[in-house]
N, C-alpha and C. Protein backbone atom coordinates (compact mmCIF):
# COMPACT_ATOMS: atom_id res chain seq x y z
N MET A 1 0.82 -1.21 0.00
CA MET A 1 0.00 0.00 0.00
C MET A 1 0.85 1.26 0.00
N ARG A 2 1.98 1.23 0.68
CA ARG A 2 2.74 2.45 0.86
C ARG A 2 3.47 2.90 -0.39
N LEU A 3 3.52 2.05 -1.42
CA LEU A 3 4.21 2.42 -2.64
C LEU A 3 3.32 3.25 -3.57
N ARG A 4 2.06 3.41 -3.22
CA ARG A 4 1.16 4.21 -4.02
C ARG A 4 1.44 5.69 -3.79
N LEU A 5 1.14 6.50 -4.79
CA LEU A 5 1.26 7.94 -4.64
C LEU A 5 0.04 8.43 -3.87
N LEU A 6 0.25 8.96 -2.68
CA LEU A 6 -0.87 9.24 -1.79
C LEU A 6 -0.98 10.73 -1.49
N PHE A 7 -2.21 11.14 -1.28
CA PHE A 7 -2.48 12.53 -0.93
C PHE A 7 -3.50 12.57 0.19
N GLY A 8 -3.76 13.77 0.73
CA GLY A 8 -4.83 13.91 1.71
C GLY A 8 -4.39 13.57 3.11
N ILE A 9 -3.43 14.31 3.64
CA ILE A 9 -2.95 14.07 5.00
C ILE A 9 -3.84 14.82 5.98
N SER A 10 -4.13 14.20 7.11
CA SER A 10 -5.01 14.82 8.09
C SER A 10 -4.36 16.04 8.73
N ALA A 11 -5.21 16.91 9.29
CA ALA A 11 -4.70 18.09 9.98
C ALA A 11 -3.81 17.70 11.13
N CYS A 12 -4.17 16.59 11.81
CA CYS A 12 -3.34 16.13 12.92
C CYS A 12 -1.95 15.78 12.44
N ALA A 13 -1.86 15.01 11.36
CA ALA A 13 -0.57 14.57 10.87
C ALA A 13 0.27 15.73 10.40
N LEU A 14 -0.36 16.80 9.95
CA LEU A 14 0.39 17.96 9.50
C LEU A 14 0.82 18.83 10.68
N GLY A 15 0.36 18.50 11.87
CA GLY A 15 0.79 19.25 13.03
C GLY A 15 0.29 20.67 13.06
N LEU A 16 -0.98 20.88 12.75
CA LEU A 16 -1.51 22.22 12.68
C LEU A 16 -1.80 22.81 14.05
N PHE A 17 -1.58 22.03 15.10
CA PHE A 17 -1.86 22.52 16.45
C PHE A 17 -0.83 23.55 16.90
N GLY A 18 0.42 23.35 16.48
CA GLY A 18 1.47 24.28 16.84
C GLY A 18 1.67 24.39 18.34
N ALA A 19 1.99 25.60 18.78
CA ALA A 19 2.32 25.83 20.18
C ALA A 19 1.12 25.63 21.10
N SER A 20 -0.09 25.57 20.54
CA SER A 20 -1.28 25.43 21.37
C SER A 20 -1.49 24.00 21.85
N PHE A 21 -0.75 23.06 21.33
CA PHE A 21 -0.93 21.67 21.72
C PHE A 21 -0.56 21.51 23.19
N PRO A 22 -1.41 20.89 24.00
CA PRO A 22 -1.17 20.82 25.45
C PRO A 22 0.08 20.05 25.83
N ASP A 23 0.72 20.47 26.90
CA ASP A 23 1.81 19.72 27.49
C ASP A 23 1.24 18.58 28.32
N PRO A 24 2.01 17.51 28.51
CA PRO A 24 1.55 16.40 29.36
C PRO A 24 1.31 16.87 30.80
N PRO A 25 0.36 16.30 31.51
CA PRO A 25 0.09 16.72 32.89
C PRO A 25 1.27 16.42 33.80
N GLY A 26 1.66 17.41 34.57
CA GLY A 26 2.74 17.21 35.53
C GLY A 26 4.12 17.08 34.92
N ASP A 27 4.24 17.34 33.62
CA ASP A 27 5.55 17.20 32.98
C ASP A 27 6.34 18.49 33.15
N SER A 28 7.50 18.38 33.78
CA SER A 28 8.32 19.55 34.05
C SER A 28 9.46 19.70 33.05
N GLY A 29 9.39 18.92 31.96
CA GLY A 29 10.44 19.03 30.96
C GLY A 29 11.63 18.16 31.29
N SER A 30 12.78 18.50 30.73
CA SER A 30 13.98 17.70 30.93
C SER A 30 14.44 17.74 32.38
N ALA A 31 15.15 16.70 32.77
CA ALA A 31 15.64 16.60 34.15
C ALA A 31 17.14 16.34 34.16
N ALA A 32 17.88 17.27 34.72
CA ALA A 32 19.34 17.15 34.72
C ALA A 32 19.83 15.97 35.53
N SER A 33 19.04 15.52 36.52
CA SER A 33 19.46 14.43 37.39
C SER A 33 19.09 13.05 36.87
N ALA A 34 18.39 12.98 35.74
CA ALA A 34 17.95 11.69 35.20
C ALA A 34 19.12 10.92 34.62
N PRO A 35 18.97 9.59 34.47
CA PRO A 35 20.02 8.78 33.84
C PRO A 35 20.38 9.33 32.47
N ALA A 36 21.59 9.07 32.03
CA ALA A 36 22.10 9.67 30.80
C ALA A 36 21.31 9.27 29.57
N GLN A 37 20.82 8.04 29.53
CA GLN A 37 20.09 7.56 28.36
C GLN A 37 18.83 6.81 28.80
N GLN A 38 17.72 7.06 28.12
CA GLN A 38 16.50 6.31 28.33
C GLN A 38 15.92 5.92 26.98
N VAL A 39 14.95 5.01 27.00
CA VAL A 39 14.40 4.47 25.76
C VAL A 39 12.88 4.56 25.76
N ALA A 40 12.32 4.94 24.61
CA ALA A 40 10.88 4.94 24.38
C ALA A 40 10.60 4.12 23.13
N VAL A 41 9.54 3.31 23.15
CA VAL A 41 9.14 2.53 21.99
C VAL A 41 7.72 2.93 21.61
N LEU A 42 7.56 3.41 20.38
CA LEU A 42 6.28 3.94 19.91
C LEU A 42 5.93 3.34 18.56
N ALA A 43 4.65 3.23 18.27
CA ALA A 43 4.17 2.78 16.96
C ALA A 43 3.12 3.76 16.47
N GLY A 44 3.16 4.03 15.17
CA GLY A 44 2.19 4.97 14.61
C GLY A 44 2.17 4.92 13.10
N GLY A 45 1.87 3.76 12.56
CA GLY A 45 1.87 3.62 11.12
C GLY A 45 3.23 3.25 10.58
N CYS A 46 3.48 3.60 9.33
CA CYS A 46 4.74 3.26 8.68
C CYS A 46 5.92 3.79 9.48
N PHE A 47 6.87 2.91 9.82
CA PHE A 47 7.98 3.35 10.66
C PHE A 47 8.99 4.22 9.94
N TRP A 48 8.91 4.31 8.61
CA TRP A 48 9.81 5.22 7.90
C TRP A 48 9.59 6.67 8.35
N GLY A 49 8.33 7.08 8.37
CA GLY A 49 8.01 8.45 8.74
C GLY A 49 8.25 8.73 10.21
N MET A 50 7.93 7.76 11.06
CA MET A 50 8.18 7.93 12.49
C MET A 50 9.66 8.18 12.74
N GLN A 51 10.51 7.39 12.10
CA GLN A 51 11.94 7.58 12.27
C GLN A 51 12.38 8.93 11.71
N GLY A 52 11.80 9.29 10.56
CA GLY A 52 12.15 10.57 9.97
C GLY A 52 11.87 11.74 10.88
N VAL A 53 10.78 11.68 11.64
CA VAL A 53 10.45 12.74 12.57
C VAL A 53 11.40 12.73 13.76
N PHE A 54 11.52 11.59 14.43
CA PHE A 54 12.24 11.57 15.71
C PHE A 54 13.74 11.69 15.59
N GLU A 55 14.30 11.41 14.42
CA GLU A 55 15.74 11.62 14.28
C GLU A 55 16.07 13.11 14.19
N HIS A 56 15.04 13.95 14.08
CA HIS A 56 15.24 15.40 14.06
C HIS A 56 14.80 16.06 15.36
N VAL A 57 14.61 15.28 16.40
CA VAL A 57 14.15 15.83 17.67
C VAL A 57 15.32 16.04 18.63
N LYS A 58 15.35 17.19 19.22
CA LYS A 58 16.38 17.55 20.20
C LYS A 58 16.43 16.53 21.33
N GLY A 59 17.62 16.08 21.66
CA GLY A 59 17.79 15.15 22.77
C GLY A 59 17.73 13.69 22.38
N VAL A 60 17.25 13.40 21.17
CA VAL A 60 17.22 12.01 20.69
C VAL A 60 18.60 11.66 20.16
N THR A 61 19.18 10.60 20.69
CA THR A 61 20.54 10.22 20.33
C THR A 61 20.60 9.04 19.36
N ASP A 62 19.49 8.29 19.24
CA ASP A 62 19.48 7.16 18.31
C ASP A 62 18.05 6.74 18.04
N THR A 63 17.79 6.30 16.80
CA THR A 63 16.49 5.76 16.44
C THR A 63 16.70 4.48 15.65
N VAL A 64 15.89 3.47 15.95
CA VAL A 64 15.94 2.19 15.25
C VAL A 64 14.51 1.76 14.96
N VAL A 65 14.23 1.31 13.74
CA VAL A 65 12.89 0.82 13.43
C VAL A 65 12.85 -0.69 13.59
N GLY A 66 11.68 -1.19 13.98
CA GLY A 66 11.54 -2.62 14.20
C GLY A 66 10.10 -2.99 14.46
N TYR A 67 9.92 -4.08 15.17
CA TYR A 67 8.60 -4.64 15.41
C TYR A 67 8.39 -4.90 16.89
N SER A 68 7.19 -4.54 17.38
CA SER A 68 6.89 -4.73 18.80
C SER A 68 5.40 -4.96 18.97
N GLY A 69 5.05 -5.62 20.07
CA GLY A 69 3.65 -5.82 20.40
C GLY A 69 3.17 -7.24 20.30
N GLY A 70 3.91 -8.10 19.59
CA GLY A 70 3.52 -9.49 19.45
C GLY A 70 4.11 -10.36 20.53
N GLU A 71 3.71 -11.61 20.55
CA GLU A 71 4.17 -12.54 21.57
C GLU A 71 5.47 -13.23 21.20
N LYS A 72 5.74 -13.37 19.91
CA LYS A 72 6.91 -14.12 19.45
C LYS A 72 7.76 -13.27 18.50
N LYS A 73 9.01 -13.62 18.39
CA LYS A 73 9.90 -12.93 17.46
C LYS A 73 9.43 -13.21 16.03
N PRO A 74 9.20 -12.15 15.24
CA PRO A 74 8.76 -12.37 13.86
C PRO A 74 9.93 -12.74 12.96
N SER A 75 9.61 -13.38 11.84
CA SER A 75 10.67 -13.73 10.90
C SER A 75 11.12 -12.55 10.08
N GLY A 76 10.31 -11.50 10.05
CA GLY A 76 10.71 -10.32 9.31
C GLY A 76 9.53 -9.53 8.79
N TYR A 77 9.83 -8.58 7.93
CA TYR A 77 8.82 -7.64 7.43
C TYR A 77 7.65 -8.33 6.74
N GLU A 78 7.94 -9.31 5.90
CA GLU A 78 6.87 -9.96 5.15
C GLU A 78 5.87 -10.63 6.09
N GLN A 79 6.36 -11.25 7.16
CA GLN A 79 5.45 -11.89 8.11
C GLN A 79 4.64 -10.85 8.87
N VAL A 80 5.29 -9.79 9.34
CA VAL A 80 4.58 -8.74 10.07
C VAL A 80 3.52 -8.10 9.19
N SER A 81 3.80 -7.97 7.91
CA SER A 81 2.88 -7.33 6.98
C SER A 81 1.58 -8.10 6.79
N THR A 82 1.54 -9.35 7.19
CA THR A 82 0.29 -10.11 7.09
C THR A 82 -0.72 -9.64 8.13
N GLY A 83 -0.27 -8.97 9.17
CA GLY A 83 -1.15 -8.51 10.24
C GLY A 83 -1.53 -9.60 11.22
N LYS A 84 -0.89 -10.75 11.12
CA LYS A 84 -1.26 -11.89 11.95
C LYS A 84 -0.29 -12.15 13.11
N THR A 85 0.77 -11.37 13.24
CA THR A 85 1.78 -11.64 14.25
C THR A 85 1.52 -10.92 15.57
N GLY A 86 0.64 -9.93 15.55
CA GLY A 86 0.42 -9.10 16.73
C GLY A 86 1.42 -7.96 16.84
N HIS A 87 2.41 -7.94 15.97
CA HIS A 87 3.42 -6.89 16.01
C HIS A 87 2.97 -5.65 15.24
N ALA A 88 3.48 -4.51 15.65
CA ALA A 88 3.27 -3.26 14.93
C ALA A 88 4.62 -2.71 14.49
N GLU A 89 4.62 -2.06 13.35
CA GLU A 89 5.84 -1.35 12.94
C GLU A 89 6.10 -0.28 14.00
N SER A 90 7.29 -0.30 14.57
CA SER A 90 7.59 0.53 15.73
C SER A 90 8.95 1.21 15.59
N ILE A 91 9.19 2.13 16.49
CA ILE A 91 10.47 2.79 16.54
C ILE A 91 10.98 2.81 17.97
N ARG A 92 12.25 2.46 18.14
CA ARG A 92 12.91 2.53 19.44
C ARG A 92 13.72 3.81 19.47
N ILE A 93 13.37 4.67 20.41
CA ILE A 93 14.00 5.99 20.52
C ILE A 93 14.87 6.03 21.76
N THR A 94 16.14 6.25 21.57
CA THR A 94 17.05 6.46 22.70
C THR A 94 17.23 7.97 22.85
N TYR A 95 17.04 8.46 24.07
CA TYR A 95 17.07 9.91 24.25
C TYR A 95 17.76 10.29 25.56
N ASP A 96 18.18 11.53 25.61
CA ASP A 96 18.84 12.10 26.77
C ASP A 96 17.80 12.88 27.57
N PRO A 97 17.37 12.37 28.73
CA PRO A 97 16.30 13.03 29.50
C PRO A 97 16.71 14.37 30.09
N SER A 98 17.99 14.70 30.02
CA SER A 98 18.39 16.03 30.47
C SER A 98 18.09 17.08 29.40
N LYS A 99 17.73 16.62 28.19
CA LYS A 99 17.43 17.54 27.09
C LYS A 99 15.97 17.47 26.66
N ILE A 100 15.34 16.31 26.83
CA ILE A 100 13.94 16.16 26.47
C ILE A 100 13.32 15.09 27.37
N SER A 101 12.10 15.31 27.79
CA SER A 101 11.43 14.36 28.68
C SER A 101 10.62 13.35 27.87
N TYR A 102 10.23 12.28 28.54
CA TYR A 102 9.35 11.29 27.92
C TYR A 102 8.03 11.94 27.52
N GLY A 103 7.52 12.80 28.38
CA GLY A 103 6.28 13.50 28.07
C GLY A 103 6.39 14.37 26.83
N GLN A 104 7.53 15.03 26.66
CA GLN A 104 7.72 15.87 25.47
C GLN A 104 7.81 15.02 24.21
N LEU A 105 8.40 13.83 24.31
CA LEU A 105 8.41 12.90 23.17
C LEU A 105 6.98 12.53 22.78
N LEU A 106 6.15 12.27 23.79
CA LEU A 106 4.76 11.94 23.50
C LEU A 106 4.01 13.12 22.90
N LYS A 107 4.34 14.31 23.30
CA LYS A 107 3.71 15.49 22.71
C LYS A 107 3.97 15.54 21.21
N ILE A 108 5.20 15.30 20.81
CA ILE A 108 5.54 15.27 19.38
C ILE A 108 4.85 14.10 18.70
N TYR A 109 4.83 12.97 19.36
CA TYR A 109 4.18 11.76 18.83
C TYR A 109 2.71 12.02 18.52
N PHE A 110 1.99 12.64 19.44
CA PHE A 110 0.58 12.89 19.22
C PHE A 110 0.33 14.07 18.28
N ALA A 111 1.16 15.10 18.35
CA ALA A 111 0.88 16.33 17.62
C ALA A 111 1.30 16.27 16.15
N VAL A 112 2.42 15.63 15.84
CA VAL A 112 2.90 15.70 14.46
C VAL A 112 3.32 14.37 13.84
N ALA A 113 3.64 13.36 14.64
CA ALA A 113 4.24 12.14 14.08
C ALA A 113 3.23 11.20 13.46
N HIS A 114 1.96 11.27 13.89
CA HIS A 114 0.93 10.39 13.33
C HIS A 114 -0.44 10.86 13.78
N ASP A 115 -1.47 10.18 13.30
CA ASP A 115 -2.84 10.47 13.71
C ASP A 115 -3.28 9.41 14.72
N PRO A 116 -3.47 9.77 15.99
CA PRO A 116 -3.81 8.78 17.02
C PRO A 116 -5.29 8.43 17.08
N THR A 117 -6.07 8.90 16.12
CA THR A 117 -7.53 8.67 16.17
C THR A 117 -8.01 7.67 15.12
N THR A 118 -7.11 7.12 14.33
CA THR A 118 -7.51 6.16 13.30
C THR A 118 -7.11 4.75 13.76
N LEU A 119 -8.09 3.87 13.88
CA LEU A 119 -7.86 2.54 14.44
C LEU A 119 -7.24 1.61 13.39
N ASN A 120 -6.06 1.08 13.74
CA ASN A 120 -5.37 0.12 12.88
C ASN A 120 -5.17 0.66 11.46
N ARG A 121 -4.87 1.96 11.38
CA ARG A 121 -4.69 2.56 10.07
C ARG A 121 -3.96 3.88 10.20
N GLN A 122 -3.07 4.15 9.24
CA GLN A 122 -2.51 5.47 9.04
C GLN A 122 -2.54 5.74 7.54
N HIS A 123 -3.24 6.81 7.16
CA HIS A 123 -3.41 7.14 5.75
C HIS A 123 -4.06 5.93 5.05
N TYR A 124 -3.40 5.36 4.05
CA TYR A 124 -3.95 4.21 3.34
C TYR A 124 -3.27 2.90 3.74
N ASP A 125 -2.44 2.94 4.75
CA ASP A 125 -1.84 1.71 5.29
C ASP A 125 -2.81 1.16 6.33
N GLU A 126 -3.31 -0.05 6.12
CA GLU A 126 -4.32 -0.62 7.01
C GLU A 126 -3.86 -1.95 7.59
N GLY A 127 -4.29 -2.21 8.82
CA GLY A 127 -3.96 -3.45 9.51
C GLY A 127 -3.42 -3.16 10.90
N THR A 128 -3.47 -4.16 11.76
CA THR A 128 -2.99 -3.98 13.12
C THR A 128 -1.51 -3.64 13.18
N GLN A 129 -0.77 -4.00 12.14
CA GLN A 129 0.67 -3.69 12.11
C GLN A 129 0.93 -2.19 11.96
N TYR A 130 -0.14 -1.43 11.65
CA TYR A 130 -0.02 0.03 11.52
C TYR A 130 -0.75 0.76 12.64
N ARG A 131 -1.03 0.08 13.72
CA ARG A 131 -1.80 0.69 14.81
C ARG A 131 -0.99 1.74 15.56
N SER A 132 -1.70 2.59 16.24
CA SER A 132 -1.10 3.57 17.14
C SER A 132 -0.90 2.90 18.49
N ALA A 133 0.33 2.87 18.98
CA ALA A 133 0.61 2.17 20.25
C ALA A 133 1.81 2.76 20.96
N ILE A 134 1.70 2.80 22.27
CA ILE A 134 2.82 3.17 23.14
C ILE A 134 3.18 1.94 23.95
N PHE A 135 4.39 1.47 23.80
CA PHE A 135 4.85 0.29 24.53
C PHE A 135 5.72 0.78 25.70
N TYR A 136 5.15 0.73 26.89
CA TYR A 136 5.83 1.31 28.04
C TYR A 136 6.82 0.32 28.67
N ALA A 137 7.93 0.87 29.13
CA ALA A 137 8.99 0.06 29.73
C ALA A 137 8.89 0.02 31.25
N ASN A 138 8.13 0.94 31.84
CA ASN A 138 8.01 1.00 33.30
C ASN A 138 6.71 1.70 33.67
N GLU A 139 6.41 1.72 34.96
CA GLU A 139 5.15 2.30 35.42
C GLU A 139 5.09 3.81 35.21
N ASP A 140 6.23 4.49 35.26
CA ASP A 140 6.23 5.94 35.01
C ASP A 140 5.79 6.23 33.58
N GLN A 141 6.33 5.47 32.61
CA GLN A 141 5.93 5.67 31.23
C GLN A 141 4.45 5.35 31.04
N LYS A 142 3.99 4.29 31.66
CA LYS A 142 2.58 3.92 31.55
C LYS A 142 1.69 5.04 32.08
N ARG A 143 2.02 5.54 33.27
CA ARG A 143 1.21 6.58 33.89
C ARG A 143 1.20 7.86 33.02
N THR A 144 2.35 8.25 32.54
CA THR A 144 2.44 9.45 31.71
C THR A 144 1.58 9.31 30.46
N ALA A 145 1.67 8.15 29.80
CA ALA A 145 0.92 7.93 28.57
C ALA A 145 -0.59 7.93 28.83
N GLU A 146 -1.02 7.19 29.85
CA GLU A 146 -2.46 7.10 30.12
C GLU A 146 -3.04 8.44 30.55
N GLU A 147 -2.32 9.18 31.38
CA GLU A 147 -2.83 10.47 31.83
C GLU A 147 -2.87 11.48 30.69
N TYR A 148 -1.89 11.41 29.81
CA TYR A 148 -1.86 12.35 28.69
C TYR A 148 -3.02 12.08 27.72
N ILE A 149 -3.29 10.82 27.45
CA ILE A 149 -4.41 10.48 26.58
C ILE A 149 -5.73 10.98 27.18
N LYS A 150 -5.91 10.77 28.49
CA LYS A 150 -7.12 11.26 29.15
C LYS A 150 -7.21 12.77 29.04
N GLN A 151 -6.09 13.45 29.22
CA GLN A 151 -6.07 14.91 29.14
C GLN A 151 -6.46 15.39 27.74
N LEU A 152 -5.87 14.79 26.71
CA LEU A 152 -6.15 15.22 25.34
C LEU A 152 -7.59 14.94 24.96
N ASP A 153 -8.12 13.79 25.37
CA ASP A 153 -9.52 13.47 25.08
C ASP A 153 -10.47 14.41 25.81
N ALA A 154 -10.16 14.68 27.07
CA ALA A 154 -11.04 15.56 27.85
C ALA A 154 -11.07 16.98 27.28
N ALA A 155 -9.95 17.39 26.70
CA ALA A 155 -9.86 18.73 26.11
C ALA A 155 -10.38 18.77 24.68
N HIS A 156 -10.77 17.61 24.16
CA HIS A 156 -11.26 17.51 22.78
C HIS A 156 -10.27 18.12 21.79
N VAL A 157 -9.01 17.78 22.01
CA VAL A 157 -7.96 18.27 21.12
C VAL A 157 -8.17 17.74 19.71
N PHE A 158 -8.62 16.50 19.61
CA PHE A 158 -8.89 15.88 18.32
C PHE A 158 -10.40 15.79 18.10
N LYS A 159 -10.79 15.76 16.85
CA LYS A 159 -12.21 15.65 16.51
C LYS A 159 -12.79 14.31 16.96
N HIS A 160 -11.95 13.27 16.93
CA HIS A 160 -12.38 11.93 17.31
C HIS A 160 -11.56 11.44 18.50
N PRO A 161 -12.06 10.46 19.25
CA PRO A 161 -11.32 9.94 20.41
C PRO A 161 -9.99 9.30 20.01
N ILE A 162 -9.03 9.37 20.90
CA ILE A 162 -7.74 8.73 20.70
C ILE A 162 -7.89 7.22 20.84
N VAL A 163 -7.31 6.47 19.92
CA VAL A 163 -7.41 5.01 19.96
C VAL A 163 -6.05 4.37 20.24
N THR A 164 -5.09 5.16 20.66
CA THR A 164 -3.74 4.66 20.92
C THR A 164 -3.74 3.60 22.01
N GLN A 165 -3.13 2.47 21.70
CA GLN A 165 -2.98 1.38 22.67
C GLN A 165 -1.81 1.70 23.61
N VAL A 166 -2.00 1.47 24.89
CA VAL A 166 -0.92 1.59 25.87
C VAL A 166 -0.69 0.19 26.43
N ALA A 167 0.46 -0.39 26.09
CA ALA A 167 0.71 -1.79 26.41
C ALA A 167 2.14 -1.98 26.89
N PRO A 168 2.39 -3.00 27.70
CA PRO A 168 3.75 -3.24 28.18
C PRO A 168 4.68 -3.64 27.05
N LEU A 169 5.91 -3.22 27.15
CA LEU A 169 6.93 -3.57 26.17
C LEU A 169 7.41 -4.99 26.45
N LYS A 170 7.06 -5.92 25.57
CA LYS A 170 7.45 -7.32 25.73
C LYS A 170 8.71 -7.66 24.96
N GLY A 171 9.05 -6.82 24.02
CA GLY A 171 10.24 -7.05 23.21
C GLY A 171 10.25 -6.09 22.04
N PHE A 172 11.42 -5.86 21.53
CA PHE A 172 11.58 -5.03 20.33
C PHE A 172 12.53 -5.76 19.41
N TYR A 173 12.10 -5.99 18.19
CA TYR A 173 12.88 -6.77 17.23
C TYR A 173 13.26 -5.86 16.06
N VAL A 174 14.55 -5.69 15.88
CA VAL A 174 15.08 -4.75 14.88
C VAL A 174 14.69 -5.20 13.48
N ALA A 175 14.20 -4.25 12.68
CA ALA A 175 13.80 -4.54 11.31
C ALA A 175 15.02 -4.69 10.41
N GLU A 176 14.77 -5.17 9.22
CA GLU A 176 15.82 -5.39 8.23
C GLU A 176 16.59 -4.09 7.94
N SER A 177 17.83 -4.24 7.55
CA SER A 177 18.71 -3.08 7.38
C SER A 177 18.17 -2.09 6.34
N TYR A 178 17.49 -2.58 5.32
CA TYR A 178 17.02 -1.66 4.28
C TYR A 178 15.90 -0.75 4.76
N HIS A 179 15.28 -1.09 5.90
CA HIS A 179 14.26 -0.22 6.47
C HIS A 179 14.86 0.88 7.36
N GLN A 180 16.09 0.70 7.81
CA GLN A 180 16.69 1.67 8.72
C GLN A 180 17.02 2.96 7.97
N HIS A 181 16.47 4.07 8.48
CA HIS A 181 16.69 5.39 7.87
C HIS A 181 16.32 5.38 6.39
N TYR A 182 15.24 4.67 6.09
CA TYR A 182 14.77 4.55 4.71
C TYR A 182 14.48 5.93 4.11
N LEU A 183 13.89 6.80 4.89
CA LEU A 183 13.56 8.14 4.41
C LEU A 183 14.81 8.89 3.97
N ASP A 184 15.88 8.79 4.74
CA ASP A 184 17.10 9.50 4.40
C ASP A 184 17.72 8.99 3.11
N HIS A 185 17.57 7.69 2.87
CA HIS A 185 18.17 7.08 1.69
C HIS A 185 17.28 7.17 0.45
N ASN A 186 15.99 7.49 0.65
CA ASN A 186 15.05 7.51 -0.47
C ASN A 186 14.16 8.76 -0.40
N PRO A 187 14.74 9.96 -0.39
CA PRO A 187 13.96 11.18 -0.17
C PRO A 187 13.00 11.54 -1.30
N THR A 188 13.17 10.94 -2.49
CA THR A 188 12.29 11.27 -3.61
C THR A 188 11.24 10.20 -3.87
N GLN A 189 11.23 9.15 -3.06
CA GLN A 189 10.22 8.10 -3.24
C GLN A 189 8.84 8.71 -3.00
N PRO A 190 7.85 8.43 -3.86
CA PRO A 190 6.55 9.10 -3.77
C PRO A 190 5.89 9.04 -2.40
N TYR A 191 5.92 7.87 -1.74
CA TYR A 191 5.31 7.77 -0.41
C TYR A 191 6.02 8.70 0.57
N ILE A 192 7.33 8.73 0.51
CA ILE A 192 8.12 9.59 1.40
C ILE A 192 7.77 11.06 1.16
N VAL A 193 7.72 11.46 -0.10
CA VAL A 193 7.46 12.86 -0.44
C VAL A 193 6.08 13.30 0.03
N ASN A 194 5.08 12.47 -0.18
CA ASN A 194 3.71 12.87 0.10
C ASN A 194 3.23 12.59 1.51
N MET A 195 3.78 11.58 2.18
CA MET A 195 3.32 11.20 3.50
C MET A 195 4.26 11.61 4.62
N ASP A 196 5.56 11.46 4.40
CA ASP A 196 6.51 11.56 5.51
C ASP A 196 7.25 12.89 5.59
N LEU A 197 7.69 13.44 4.48
CA LEU A 197 8.41 14.72 4.54
C LEU A 197 7.54 15.83 5.13
N PRO A 198 6.22 15.87 4.86
CA PRO A 198 5.39 16.90 5.51
C PRO A 198 5.38 16.81 7.03
N LEU A 199 5.58 15.60 7.58
CA LEU A 199 5.61 15.46 9.03
C LEU A 199 6.84 16.15 9.62
N ILE A 200 7.97 16.02 8.92
CA ILE A 200 9.19 16.68 9.38
C ILE A 200 9.05 18.19 9.28
N GLU A 201 8.43 18.65 8.21
CA GLU A 201 8.21 20.09 8.06
C GLU A 201 7.28 20.61 9.15
N ALA A 202 6.29 19.78 9.54
CA ALA A 202 5.38 20.18 10.62
C ALA A 202 6.12 20.31 11.94
N LEU A 203 7.03 19.37 12.20
CA LEU A 203 7.85 19.46 13.41
C LEU A 203 8.67 20.74 13.40
N LYS A 204 9.31 21.01 12.29
CA LYS A 204 10.17 22.18 12.16
C LYS A 204 9.39 23.48 12.32
N LYS A 205 8.21 23.52 11.72
CA LYS A 205 7.41 24.75 11.74
C LYS A 205 6.73 24.98 13.08
N ASN A 206 6.13 23.93 13.63
CA ASN A 206 5.27 24.10 14.80
C ASN A 206 5.99 23.92 16.13
N PHE A 207 7.12 23.19 16.12
CA PHE A 207 7.87 22.98 17.36
C PHE A 207 9.36 23.23 17.12
N PRO A 208 9.70 24.46 16.75
CA PRO A 208 11.13 24.77 16.46
C PRO A 208 12.03 24.54 17.65
N GLU A 209 11.48 24.61 18.87
CA GLU A 209 12.31 24.40 20.06
C GLU A 209 12.74 22.94 20.19
N PHE A 210 12.07 22.04 19.49
CA PHE A 210 12.44 20.62 19.53
C PHE A 210 13.23 20.17 18.30
N TYR A 211 13.21 20.99 17.25
CA TYR A 211 13.76 20.55 15.96
C TYR A 211 15.28 20.76 15.90
N VAL A 212 15.95 19.72 15.39
CA VAL A 212 17.38 19.83 15.08
C VAL A 212 17.58 19.24 13.68
N ARG A 213 18.58 19.71 12.98
CA ARG A 213 18.86 19.22 11.63
C ARG A 213 19.48 17.84 11.68
């Protein structure tokens, strides 16, 4: 599906909220006393675009695309693409909490990286492998994610309710090498041009305080 030339990106995906998008409840931003490196695992449709966004976020030191959410290690992309493994295309984000908080990562995730209101679908990519999901590594991440979703829904930030799954991180399986930084290696591919590059521009335009080249 993703190889088709696609148009019609939602207002959410374009990040039209800008500076008005709410901060997570109780989030005080970066913490100088936090451990040097922490990890977040998120899913939100095609992992090419997710990686393209988060590799330009301040404080993010590494991004890897892969598969998460299923019970067993998948054999690879073709198996996950059947939608029968329970896995979702995901991104593992390593970040410096002294520069950006977990809550701020979620703010970018909800505001510009994907549309959290479409169930098992992003744009024309359909199936559970394209679901919106936050895979939490600890109770703090779980609490932050659940409270933020409640806050955004209560404020009616989106026209429709958030359908993002909040689930424990059972494992993360690195995707094939050709998927890693696919956007950077294929900037003129039609799907990248029409679906993913606008997300990076939305980050740059609406959240310049988080954007890095």
